[in-house]
Amino acid sequence: TPKTKLIILCTPCNPTGSVYTPEDLKALA
């Protein structure tokens, strides 16, 4: 939204252990 300042992204992730692939990150970027 217009109020968004930050996104916090953790990969590999605590608590799940999930890993964003290069393709995942490209889509988010």
mmCIF file of all heavy atoms, coordinates in Angstrom:
data_MODEL
# 
_entry.id   MODEL 
# 
loop_
_atom_site.group_PDB 
_atom_site.id 
_atom_site.type_symbol 
_atom_site.label_atom_id 
_atom_site.label_alt_id 
_atom_site.label_comp_id 
_atom_site.label_asym_id 
_atom_site.label_entity_id 
_atom_site.label_seq_id 
_atom_site.pdbx_PDB_ins_code 
_atom_site.Cartn_x 
_atom_site.Cartn_y 
_atom_site.Cartn_z 
_atom_site.occupancy 
_atom_site.B_iso_or_equiv 
_atom_site.pdbx_formal_charge 
_atom_site.auth_seq_id 
_atom_site.auth_comp_id 
_atom_site.auth_asym_id 
_atom_site.auth_atom_id 
_atom_site.pdbx_PDB_model_num 
ATOM 1   N N   . THR A 1 1  ? 0.852  -1.185  0.000   1.00 0.00 ? 1  THR A N   1 
ATOM 2   C CA  . THR A 1 1  ? 0.000  0.000   0.000   1.00 0.00 ? 1  THR A CA  1 
ATOM 3   C C   . THR A 1 1  ? 0.893  1.242   0.000   1.00 0.00 ? 1  THR A C   1 
ATOM 4   O O   . THR A 1 1  ? 2.124  1.127   0.122   1.00 0.00 ? 1  THR A O   1 
ATOM 5   C CB  . THR A 1 1  ? -0.898 0.040   1.259   1.00 0.00 ? 1  THR A CB  1 
ATOM 6   O OG1 . THR A 1 1  ? -0.089 0.407   2.392   1.00 0.00 ? 1  THR A OG1 1 
ATOM 7   C CG2 . THR A 1 1  ? -1.573 -1.301  1.525   1.00 0.00 ? 1  THR A CG2 1 
ATOM 8   N N   . PRO A 1 2  ? 0.302  2.438   -0.107  1.00 0.00 ? 2  PRO A N   1 
ATOM 9   C CA  . PRO A 1 2  ? 1.126  3.658   -0.026  1.00 0.00 ? 2  PRO A CA  1 
ATOM 10  C C   . PRO A 1 2  ? 1.869  3.794   1.298   1.00 0.00 ? 2  PRO A C   1 
ATOM 11  O O   . PRO A 1 2  ? 2.831  4.563   1.382   1.00 0.00 ? 2  PRO A O   1 
ATOM 12  C CB  . PRO A 1 2  ? 0.085  4.775   -0.186  1.00 0.00 ? 2  PRO A CB  1 
ATOM 13  C CG  . PRO A 1 2  ? -1.003 4.160   -1.009  1.00 0.00 ? 2  PRO A CG  1 
ATOM 14  C CD  . PRO A 1 2  ? -1.087 2.738   -0.527  1.00 0.00 ? 2  PRO A CD  1 
ATOM 15  N N   . LYS A 1 3  ? 1.457  3.041   2.337   1.00 0.00 ? 3  LYS A N   1 
ATOM 16  C CA  . LYS A 1 3  ? 2.124  3.105   3.634   1.00 0.00 ? 3  LYS A CA  1 
ATOM 17  C C   . LYS A 1 3  ? 3.262  2.093   3.778   1.00 0.00 ? 3  LYS A C   1 
ATOM 18  O O   . LYS A 1 3  ? 3.980  2.112   4.775   1.00 0.00 ? 3  LYS A O   1 
ATOM 19  C CB  . LYS A 1 3  ? 1.112  2.870   4.758   1.00 0.00 ? 3  LYS A CB  1 
ATOM 20  C CG  . LYS A 1 3  ? 0.073  3.966   4.901   1.00 0.00 ? 3  LYS A CG  1 
ATOM 21  C CD  . LYS A 1 3  ? -0.838 3.696   6.090   1.00 0.00 ? 3  LYS A CD  1 
ATOM 22  C CE  . LYS A 1 3  ? -1.847 4.810   6.284   1.00 0.00 ? 3  LYS A CE  1 
ATOM 23  N NZ  . LYS A 1 3  ? -2.725 4.551   7.467   1.00 0.00 ? 3  LYS A NZ  1 
ATOM 24  N N   . THR A 1 4  ? 3.433  1.221   2.796   1.00 0.00 ? 4  THR A N   1 
ATOM 25  C CA  . THR A 1 4  ? 4.460  0.179   2.908   1.00 0.00 ? 4  THR A CA  1 
ATOM 26  C C   . THR A 1 4  ? 5.856  0.784   2.846   1.00 0.00 ? 4  THR A C   1 
ATOM 27  O O   . THR A 1 4  ? 6.187  1.528   1.923   1.00 0.00 ? 4  THR A O   1 
ATOM 28  C CB  . THR A 1 4  ? 4.312  -0.867  1.783   1.00 0.00 ? 4  THR A CB  1 
ATOM 29  O OG1 . THR A 1 4  ? 3.002  -1.428  1.831   1.00 0.00 ? 4  THR A OG1 1 
ATOM 30  C CG2 . THR A 1 4  ? 5.344  -1.970  1.937   1.00 0.00 ? 4  THR A CG2 1 
ATOM 31  N N   . LYS A 1 5  ? 6.682  0.437   3.830   1.00 0.00 ? 5  LYS A N   1 
ATOM 32  C CA  . LYS A 1 5  ? 8.064  0.924   3.858   1.00 0.00 ? 5  LYS A CA  1 
ATOM 33  C C   . LYS A 1 5  ? 9.063  -0.204  3.695   1.00 0.00 ? 5  LYS A C   1 
ATOM 34  O O   . LYS A 1 5  ? 10.094 -0.050  3.033   1.00 0.00 ? 5  LYS A O   1 
ATOM 35  C CB  . LYS A 1 5  ? 8.332  1.642   5.190   1.00 0.00 ? 5  LYS A CB  1 
ATOM 36  C CG  . LYS A 1 5  ? 9.682  2.364   5.267   1.00 0.00 ? 5  LYS A CG  1 
ATOM 37  C CD  . LYS A 1 5  ? 9.791  3.428   4.189   1.00 0.00 ? 5  LYS A CD  1 
ATOM 38  C CE  . LYS A 1 5  ? 11.045 4.271   4.319   1.00 0.00 ? 5  LYS A CE  1 
ATOM 39  N NZ  . LYS A 1 5  ? 10.955 5.253   5.424   1.00 0.00 ? 5  LYS A NZ  1 
ATOM 40  N N   . LEU A 1 6  ? 8.779  -1.355  4.314   1.00 0.00 ? 6  LEU A N   1 
ATOM 41  C CA  . LEU A 1 6  ? 9.735  -2.456  4.329   1.00 0.00 ? 6  LEU A CA  1 
ATOM 42  C C   . LEU A 1 6  ? 9.038  -3.788  4.079   1.00 0.00 ? 6  LEU A C   1 
ATOM 43  O O   . LEU A 1 6  ? 7.850  -3.958  4.370   1.00 0.00 ? 6  LEU A O   1 
ATOM 44  C CB  . LEU A 1 6  ? 10.419 -2.548  5.701   1.00 0.00 ? 6  LEU A CB  1 
ATOM 45  C CG  . LEU A 1 6  ? 11.663 -1.723  5.989   1.00 0.00 ? 6  LEU A CG  1 
ATOM 46  C CD1 . LEU A 1 6  ? 12.062 -1.905  7.450   1.00 0.00 ? 6  LEU A CD1 1 
ATOM 47  C CD2 . LEU A 1 6  ? 12.816 -2.133  5.079   1.00 0.00 ? 6  LEU A CD2 1 
ATOM 48  N N   . ILE A 1 7  ? 9.818  -4.713  3.557   1.00 0.00 ? 7  ILE A N   1 
ATOM 49  C CA  . ILE A 1 7  ? 9.452  -6.129  3.493   1.00 0.00 ? 7  ILE A CA  1 
ATOM 50  C C   . ILE A 1 7  ? 10.587 -6.891  4.162   1.00 0.00 ? 7  ILE A C   1 
ATOM 51  O O   . ILE A 1 7  ? 11.759 -6.649  3.867   1.00 0.00 ? 7  ILE A O   1 
ATOM 52  C CB  . ILE A 1 7  ? 9.287  -6.607  2.040   1.00 0.00 ? 7  ILE A CB  1 
ATOM 53  C CG1 . ILE A 1 7  ? 8.189  -5.803  1.331   1.00 0.00 ? 7  ILE A CG1 1 
ATOM 54  C CG2 . ILE A 1 7  ? 8.984  -8.100  1.983   1.00 0.00 ? 7  ILE A CG2 1 
ATOM 55  C CD1 . ILE A 1 7  ? 8.293  -5.852  -0.179  1.00 0.00 ? 7  ILE A CD1 1 
ATOM 56  N N   . ILE A 1 8  ? 10.248 -7.779  5.091   1.00 0.00 ? 8  ILE A N   1 
ATOM 57  C CA  . ILE A 1 8  ? 11.279 -8.600  5.734   1.00 0.00 ? 8  ILE A CA  1 
ATOM 58  C C   . ILE A 1 8  ? 11.206 -9.999  5.147   1.00 0.00 ? 8  ILE A C   1 
ATOM 59  O O   . ILE A 1 8  ? 10.179 -10.682 5.260   1.00 0.00 ? 8  ILE A O   1 
ATOM 60  C CB  . ILE A 1 8  ? 11.098 -8.644  7.263   1.00 0.00 ? 8  ILE A CB  1 
ATOM 61  C CG1 . ILE A 1 8  ? 11.142 -7.230  7.855   1.00 0.00 ? 8  ILE A CG1 1 
ATOM 62  C CG2 . ILE A 1 8  ? 12.194 -9.512  7.889   1.00 0.00 ? 8  ILE A CG2 1 
ATOM 63  C CD1 . ILE A 1 8  ? 10.992 -7.180  9.364   1.00 0.00 ? 8  ILE A CD1 1 
ATOM 64  N N   . LEU A 1 9  ? 12.280 -10.409 4.509   1.00 0.00 ? 9  LEU A N   1 
ATOM 65  C CA  . LEU A 1 9  ? 12.328 -11.709 3.838   1.00 0.00 ? 9  LEU A CA  1 
ATOM 66  C C   . LEU A 1 9  ? 13.454 -12.535 4.444   1.00 0.00 ? 9  LEU A C   1 
ATOM 67  O O   . LEU A 1 9  ? 14.594 -12.072 4.543   1.00 0.00 ? 9  LEU A O   1 
ATOM 68  C CB  . LEU A 1 9  ? 12.570 -11.496 2.345   1.00 0.00 ? 9  LEU A CB  1 
ATOM 69  C CG  . LEU A 1 9  ? 12.335 -12.693 1.424   1.00 0.00 ? 9  LEU A CG  1 
ATOM 70  C CD1 . LEU A 1 9  ? 10.857 -13.098 1.420   1.00 0.00 ? 9  LEU A CD1 1 
ATOM 71  C CD2 . LEU A 1 9  ? 12.792 -12.362 0.011   1.00 0.00 ? 9  LEU A CD2 1 
ATOM 72  N N   . CYS A 1 10 ? 13.132 -13.751 4.852   1.00 0.00 ? 10 CYS A N   1 
ATOM 73  C CA  . CYS A 1 10 ? 14.121 -14.641 5.462   1.00 0.00 ? 10 CYS A CA  1 
ATOM 74  C C   . CYS A 1 10 ? 14.216 -15.915 4.646   1.00 0.00 ? 10 CYS A C   1 
ATOM 75  O O   . CYS A 1 10 ? 13.237 -16.656 4.522   1.00 0.00 ? 10 CYS A O   1 
ATOM 76  C CB  . CYS A 1 10 ? 13.714 -14.961 6.900   1.00 0.00 ? 10 CYS A CB  1 
ATOM 77  S SG  . CYS A 1 10 ? 14.866 -16.044 7.780   1.00 0.00 ? 10 CYS A SG  1 
ATOM 78  N N   . THR A 1 11 ? 15.381 -16.175 4.072   1.00 0.00 ? 11 THR A N   1 
ATOM 79  C CA  . THR A 1 11 ? 15.573 -17.389 3.289   1.00 0.00 ? 11 THR A CA  1 
ATOM 80  C C   . THR A 1 11 ? 17.029 -17.829 3.365   1.00 0.00 ? 11 THR A C   1 
ATOM 81  O O   . THR A 1 11 ? 17.919 -17.005 3.137   1.00 0.00 ? 11 THR A O   1 
ATOM 82  C CB  . THR A 1 11 ? 15.141 -17.189 1.814   1.00 0.00 ? 11 THR A CB  1 
ATOM 83  O OG1 . THR A 1 11 ? 15.377 -18.403 1.074   1.00 0.00 ? 11 THR A OG1 1 
ATOM 84  C CG2 . THR A 1 11 ? 15.856 -16.044 1.130   1.00 0.00 ? 11 THR A CG2 1 
ATOM 85  N N   . PRO A 1 12 ? 17.282 -19.098 3.727   1.00 0.00 ? 12 PRO A N   1 
ATOM 86  C CA  . PRO A 1 12 ? 16.376 -20.094 4.285   1.00 0.00 ? 12 PRO A CA  1 
ATOM 87  C C   . PRO A 1 12 ? 15.650 -19.549 5.515   1.00 0.00 ? 12 PRO A C   1 
ATOM 88  O O   . PRO A 1 12 ? 16.187 -18.724 6.242   1.00 0.00 ? 12 PRO A O   1 
ATOM 89  C CB  . PRO A 1 12 ? 17.285 -21.259 4.647   1.00 0.00 ? 12 PRO A CB  1 
ATOM 90  C CG  . PRO A 1 12 ? 18.462 -21.127 3.715   1.00 0.00 ? 12 PRO A CG  1 
ATOM 91  C CD  . PRO A 1 12 ? 18.660 -19.645 3.599   1.00 0.00 ? 12 PRO A CD  1 
ATOM 92  N N   . CYS A 1 13 ? 14.447 -20.046 5.721   1.00 0.00 ? 13 CYS A N   1 
ATOM 93  C CA  . CYS A 1 13 ? 13.532 -19.412 6.656   1.00 0.00 ? 13 CYS A CA  1 
ATOM 94  C C   . CYS A 1 13 ? 13.526 -20.072 8.031   1.00 0.00 ? 13 CYS A C   1 
ATOM 95  O O   . CYS A 1 13 ? 13.547 -21.290 8.152   1.00 0.00 ? 13 CYS A O   1 
ATOM 96  C CB  . CYS A 1 13 ? 12.118 -19.452 6.070   1.00 0.00 ? 13 CYS A CB  1 
ATOM 97  S SG  . CYS A 1 13 ? 10.855 -18.759 7.147   1.00 0.00 ? 13 CYS A SG  1 
ATOM 98  N N   . ASN A 1 14 ? 13.479 -19.234 9.041   1.00 0.00 ? 14 ASN A N   1 
ATOM 99  C CA  . ASN A 1 14 ? 13.125 -19.636 10.396  1.00 0.00 ? 14 ASN A CA  1 
ATOM 100 C C   . ASN A 1 14 ? 11.692 -19.139 10.597  1.00 0.00 ? 14 ASN A C   1 
ATOM 101 O O   . ASN A 1 14 ? 11.447 -17.935 10.458  1.00 0.00 ? 14 ASN A O   1 
ATOM 102 C CB  . ASN A 1 14 ? 14.064 -18.967 11.397  1.00 0.00 ? 14 ASN A CB  1 
ATOM 103 C CG  . ASN A 1 14 ? 13.682 -19.206 12.848  1.00 0.00 ? 14 ASN A CG  1 
ATOM 104 O OD1 . ASN A 1 14 ? 12.795 -19.976 13.164  1.00 0.00 ? 14 ASN A OD1 1 
ATOM 105 N ND2 . ASN A 1 14 ? 14.367 -18.514 13.740  1.00 0.00 ? 14 ASN A ND2 1 
ATOM 106 N N   . PRO A 1 15 ? 10.701 -20.019 10.812  1.00 0.00 ? 15 PRO A N   1 
ATOM 107 C CA  . PRO A 1 15 ? 10.796 -21.348 11.425  1.00 0.00 ? 15 PRO A CA  1 
ATOM 108 C C   . PRO A 1 15 ? 10.612 -22.540 10.493  1.00 0.00 ? 15 PRO A C   1 
ATOM 109 O O   . PRO A 1 15 ? 10.560 -23.675 10.957  1.00 0.00 ? 15 PRO A O   1 
ATOM 110 C CB  . PRO A 1 15 ? 9.600  -21.309 12.389  1.00 0.00 ? 15 PRO A CB  1 
ATOM 111 C CG  . PRO A 1 15 ? 8.558  -20.554 11.610  1.00 0.00 ? 15 PRO A CG  1 
ATOM 112 C CD  . PRO A 1 15 ? 9.314  -19.505 10.857  1.00 0.00 ? 15 PRO A CD  1 
ATOM 113 N N   . THR A 1 16 ? 10.484 -22.321 9.182   1.00 0.00 ? 16 THR A N   1 
ATOM 114 C CA  . THR A 1 16 ? 10.019 -23.407 8.305   1.00 0.00 ? 16 THR A CA  1 
ATOM 115 C C   . THR A 1 16 ? 11.123 -24.164 7.592   1.00 0.00 ? 16 THR A C   1 
ATOM 116 O O   . THR A 1 16 ? 10.917 -25.293 7.152   1.00 0.00 ? 16 THR A O   1 
ATOM 117 C CB  . THR A 1 16 ? 9.070  -22.851 7.238   1.00 0.00 ? 16 THR A CB  1 
ATOM 118 O OG1 . THR A 1 16 ? 9.813  -21.987 6.358   1.00 0.00 ? 16 THR A OG1 1 
ATOM 119 C CG2 . THR A 1 16 ? 7.931  -22.069 7.876   1.00 0.00 ? 16 THR A CG2 1 
ATOM 120 N N   . GLY A 1 17 ? 12.283 -23.535 7.407   1.00 0.00 ? 17 GLY A N   1 
ATOM 121 C CA  . GLY A 1 17 ? 13.336 -24.149 6.613   1.00 0.00 ? 17 GLY A CA  1 
ATOM 122 C C   . GLY A 1 17 ? 13.121 -24.006 5.116   1.00 0.00 ? 17 GLY A C   1 
ATOM 123 O O   . GLY A 1 17 ? 13.915 -24.514 4.322   1.00 0.00 ? 17 GLY A O   1 
ATOM 124 N N   . SER A 1 18 ? 12.062 -23.303 4.711   1.00 0.00 ? 18 SER A N   1 
ATOM 125 C CA  . SER A 1 18 ? 11.800 -23.133 3.278   1.00 0.00 ? 18 SER A CA  1 
ATOM 126 C C   . SER A 1 18 ? 12.830 -22.192 2.656   1.00 0.00 ? 18 SER A C   1 
ATOM 127 O O   . SER A 1 18 ? 13.335 -21.276 3.314   1.00 0.00 ? 18 SER A O   1 
ATOM 128 C CB  . SER A 1 18 ? 10.392 -22.584 3.056   1.00 0.00 ? 18 SER A CB  1 
ATOM 129 O OG  . SER A 1 18 ? 9.425  -23.530 3.456   1.00 0.00 ? 18 SER A OG  1 
ATOM 130 N N   . VAL A 1 19 ? 13.104 -22.426 1.382   1.00 0.00 ? 19 VAL A N   1 
ATOM 131 C CA  . VAL A 1 19 ? 14.097 -21.641 0.659   1.00 0.00 ? 19 VAL A CA  1 
ATOM 132 C C   . VAL A 1 19 ? 13.453 -21.058 -0.599  1.00 0.00 ? 19 VAL A C   1 
ATOM 133 O O   . VAL A 1 19 ? 12.869 -21.792 -1.400  1.00 0.00 ? 19 VAL A O   1 
ATOM 134 C CB  . VAL A 1 19 ? 15.317 -22.501 0.270   1.00 0.00 ? 19 VAL A CB  1 
ATOM 135 C CG1 . VAL A 1 19 ? 16.295 -21.695 -0.577  1.00 0.00 ? 19 VAL A CG1 1 
ATOM 136 C CG2 . VAL A 1 19 ? 16.016 -23.035 1.517   1.00 0.00 ? 19 VAL A CG2 1 
ATOM 137 N N   . TYR A 1 20 ? 13.552 -19.754 -0.756  1.00 0.00 ? 20 TYR A N   1 
ATOM 138 C CA  . TYR A 1 20 ? 13.074 -19.115 -1.980  1.00 0.00 ? 20 TYR A CA  1 
ATOM 139 C C   . TYR A 1 20 ? 14.083 -19.376 -3.102  1.00 0.00 ? 20 TYR A C   1 
ATOM 140 O O   . TYR A 1 20 ? 15.264 -19.081 -2.951  1.00 0.00 ? 20 TYR A O   1 
ATOM 141 C CB  . TYR A 1 20 ? 12.902 -17.613 -1.774  1.00 0.00 ? 20 TYR A CB  1 
ATOM 142 C CG  . TYR A 1 20 ? 11.659 -17.239 -0.986  1.00 0.00 ? 20 TYR A CG  1 
ATOM 143 C CD1 . TYR A 1 20 ? 11.649 -17.284 0.408   1.00 0.00 ? 20 TYR A CD1 1 
ATOM 144 C CD2 . TYR A 1 20 ? 10.495 -16.847 -1.644  1.00 0.00 ? 20 TYR A CD2 1 
ATOM 145 C CE1 . TYR A 1 20 ? 10.516 -16.948 1.130   1.00 0.00 ? 20 TYR A CE1 1 
ATOM 146 C CE2 . TYR A 1 20 ? 9.356  -16.504 -0.926  1.00 0.00 ? 20 TYR A CE2 1 
ATOM 147 C CZ  . TYR A 1 20 ? 9.363  -16.557 0.458   1.00 0.00 ? 20 TYR A CZ  1 
ATOM 148 O OH  . TYR A 1 20 ? 8.233  -16.234 1.174   1.00 0.00 ? 20 TYR A OH  1 
ATOM 149 N N   . THR A 1 21 ? 13.615 -19.942 -4.198  1.00 0.00 ? 21 THR A N   1 
ATOM 150 C CA  . THR A 1 21 ? 14.492 -20.224 -5.338  1.00 0.00 ? 21 THR A CA  1 
ATOM 151 C C   . THR A 1 21 ? 14.821 -18.924 -6.061  1.00 0.00 ? 21 THR A C   1 
ATOM 152 O O   . THR A 1 21 ? 14.153 -17.896 -5.854  1.00 0.00 ? 21 THR A O   1 
ATOM 153 C CB  . THR A 1 21 ? 13.803 -21.173 -6.328  1.00 0.00 ? 21 THR A CB  1 
ATOM 154 O OG1 . THR A 1 21 ? 12.669 -20.485 -6.915  1.00 0.00 ? 21 THR A OG1 1 
ATOM 155 C CG2 . THR A 1 21 ? 13.325 -22.445 -5.635  1.00 0.00 ? 21 THR A CG2 1 
ATOM 156 N N   . PRO A 1 22 ? 15.832 -18.938 -6.936  1.00 0.00 ? 22 PRO A N   1 
ATOM 157 C CA  . PRO A 1 22 ? 16.092 -17.740 -7.741  1.00 0.00 ? 22 PRO A CA  1 
ATOM 158 C C   . PRO A 1 22 ? 14.861 -17.266 -8.504  1.00 0.00 ? 22 PRO A C   1 
ATOM 159 O O   . PRO A 1 22 ? 14.624 -16.057 -8.610  1.00 0.00 ? 22 PRO A O   1 
ATOM 160 C CB  . PRO A 1 22 ? 17.209 -18.202 -8.686  1.00 0.00 ? 22 PRO A CB  1 
ATOM 161 C CG  . PRO A 1 22 ? 17.941 -19.244 -7.899  1.00 0.00 ? 22 PRO A CG  1 
ATOM 162 C CD  . PRO A 1 22 ? 16.874 -19.971 -7.131  1.00 0.00 ? 22 PRO A CD  1 
ATOM 163 N N   . GLU A 1 23 ? 14.061 -18.206 -8.995  1.00 0.00 ? 23 GLU A N   1 
ATOM 164 C CA  . GLU A 1 23 ? 12.847 -17.837 -9.729  1.00 0.00 ? 23 GLU A CA  1 
ATOM 165 C C   . GLU A 1 23 ? 11.832 -17.172 -8.794  1.00 0.00 ? 23 GLU A C   1 
ATOM 166 O O   . GLU A 1 23 ? 11.171 -16.195 -9.174  1.00 0.00 ? 23 GLU A O   1 
ATOM 167 C CB  . GLU A 1 23 ? 12.226 -19.071 -10.387 1.00 0.00 ? 23 GLU A CB  1 
ATOM 168 C CG  . GLU A 1 23 ? 13.037 -19.650 -11.538 1.00 0.00 ? 23 GLU A CG  1 
ATOM 169 C CD  . GLU A 1 23 ? 14.321 -20.322 -11.085 1.00 0.00 ? 23 GLU A CD  1 
ATOM 170 O OE1 . GLU A 1 23 ? 14.365 -20.829 -9.927  1.00 0.00 ? 23 GLU A OE1 1 
ATOM 171 O OE2 . GLU A 1 23 ? 15.300 -20.321 -11.870 1.00 0.00 ? 23 GLU A OE2 1 
ATOM 172 N N   . ASP A 1 24 ? 11.701 -17.705 -7.573  1.00 0.00 ? 24 ASP A N   1 
ATOM 173 C CA  . ASP A 1 24 ? 10.810 -17.091 -6.584  1.00 0.00 ? 24 ASP A CA  1 
ATOM 174 C C   . ASP A 1 24 ? 11.224 -15.647 -6.310  1.00 0.00 ? 24 ASP A C   1 
ATOM 175 O O   . ASP A 1 24 ? 10.384 -14.736 -6.274  1.00 0.00 ? 24 ASP A O   1 
ATOM 176 C CB  . ASP A 1 24 ? 10.850 -17.865 -5.255  1.00 0.00 ? 24 ASP A CB  1 
ATOM 177 C CG  . ASP A 1 24 ? 10.296 -19.272 -5.341  1.00 0.00 ? 24 ASP A CG  1 
ATOM 178 O OD1 . ASP A 1 24 ? 9.408  -19.515 -6.179  1.00 0.00 ? 24 ASP A OD1 1 
ATOM 179 O OD2 . ASP A 1 24 ? 10.758 -20.124 -4.548  1.00 0.00 ? 24 ASP A OD2 1 
ATOM 180 N N   . LEU A 1 25 ? 12.516 -15.447 -6.093  1.00 0.00 ? 25 LEU A N   1 
ATOM 181 C CA  . LEU A 1 25 ? 13.017 -14.117 -5.747  1.00 0.00 ? 25 LEU A CA  1 
ATOM 182 C C   . LEU A 1 25 ? 12.880 -13.148 -6.920  1.00 0.00 ? 25 LEU A C   1 
ATOM 183 O O   . LEU A 1 25 ? 12.566 -11.962 -6.720  1.00 0.00 ? 25 LEU A O   1 
ATOM 184 C CB  . LEU A 1 25 ? 14.474 -14.207 -5.302  1.00 0.00 ? 25 LEU A CB  1 
ATOM 185 C CG  . LEU A 1 25 ? 14.717 -14.956 -3.987  1.00 0.00 ? 25 LEU A CG  1 
ATOM 186 C CD1 . LEU A 1 25 ? 16.209 -15.053 -3.694  1.00 0.00 ? 25 LEU A CD1 1 
ATOM 187 C CD2 . LEU A 1 25 ? 14.000 -14.275 -2.820  1.00 0.00 ? 25 LEU A CD2 1 
ATOM 188 N N   . LYS A 1 26 ? 13.107 -13.628 -8.130  1.00 0.00 ? 26 LYS A N   1 
ATOM 189 C CA  . LYS A 1 26 ? 12.946 -12.765 -9.303  1.00 0.00 ? 26 LYS A CA  1 
ATOM 190 C C   . LYS A 1 26 ? 11.515 -12.262 -9.414  1.00 0.00 ? 26 LYS A C   1 
ATOM 191 O O   . LYS A 1 26 ? 11.270 -11.086 -9.734  1.00 0.00 ? 26 LYS A O   1 
ATOM 192 C CB  . LYS A 1 26 ? 13.355 -13.518 -10.573 1.00 0.00 ? 26 LYS A CB  1 
ATOM 193 C CG  . LYS A 1 26 ? 14.855 -13.739 -10.699 1.00 0.00 ? 26 LYS A CG  1 
ATOM 194 C CD  . LYS A 1 26 ? 15.187 -14.638 -11.886 1.00 0.00 ? 26 LYS A CD  1 
ATOM 195 C CE  . LYS A 1 26 ? 16.682 -14.962 -11.920 1.00 0.00 ? 26 LYS A CE  1 
ATOM 196 N NZ  . LYS A 1 26 ? 17.009 -15.938 -12.991 1.00 0.00 ? 26 LYS A NZ  1 
ATOM 197 N N   . ALA A 1 27 ? 10.554 -13.144 -9.148  1.00 0.00 ? 27 ALA A N   1 
ATOM 198 C CA  . ALA A 1 27 ? 9.148  -12.754 -9.222  1.00 0.00 ? 27 ALA A CA  1 
ATOM 199 C C   . ALA A 1 27 ? 8.820  -11.698 -8.168  1.00 0.00 ? 27 ALA A C   1 
ATOM 200 O O   . ALA A 1 27 ? 8.101  -10.725 -8.440  1.00 0.00 ? 27 ALA A O   1 
ATOM 201 C CB  . ALA A 1 27 ? 8.255  -13.983 -9.053  1.00 0.00 ? 27 ALA A CB  1 
ATOM 202 N N   . LEU A 1 28 ? 9.354  -11.869 -6.944  1.00 0.00 ? 28 LEU A N   1 
ATOM 203 C CA  . LEU A 1 28 ? 9.122  -10.886 -5.889  1.00 0.00 ? 28 LEU A CA  1 
ATOM 204 C C   . LEU A 1 28 ? 9.808  -9.567  -6.218  1.00 0.00 ? 28 LEU A C   1 
ATOM 205 O O   . LEU A 1 28 ? 9.240  -8.483  -6.006  1.00 0.00 ? 28 LEU A O   1 
ATOM 206 C CB  . LEU A 1 28 ? 9.630  -11.426 -4.550  1.00 0.00 ? 28 LEU A CB  1 
ATOM 207 C CG  . LEU A 1 28 ? 8.938  -12.677 -3.995  1.00 0.00 ? 28 LEU A CG  1 
ATOM 208 C CD1 . LEU A 1 28 ? 9.582  -13.089 -2.675  1.00 0.00 ? 28 LEU A CD1 1 
ATOM 209 C CD2 . LEU A 1 28 ? 7.441  -12.469 -3.812  1.00 0.00 ? 28 LEU A CD2 1 
ATOM 210 N N   . ALA A 1 29 ? 11.024 -9.646  -6.751  1.00 0.00 ? 29 ALA A N   1 
ATOM 211 C CA  . ALA A 1 29 ? 11.774 -8.428  -7.075  1.00 0.00 ? 29 ALA A CA  1 
ATOM 212 C C   . ALA A 1 29 ? 11.066 -7.607  -8.147  1.00 0.00 ? 29 ALA A C   1 
ATOM 213 O O   . ALA A 1 29 ? 11.063 -6.369  -8.103  1.00 0.00 ? 29 ALA A O   1 
ATOM 214 C CB  . ALA A 1 29 ? 13.184 -8.782  -7.524  1.00 0.00 ? 29 ALA A CB  1 
# 
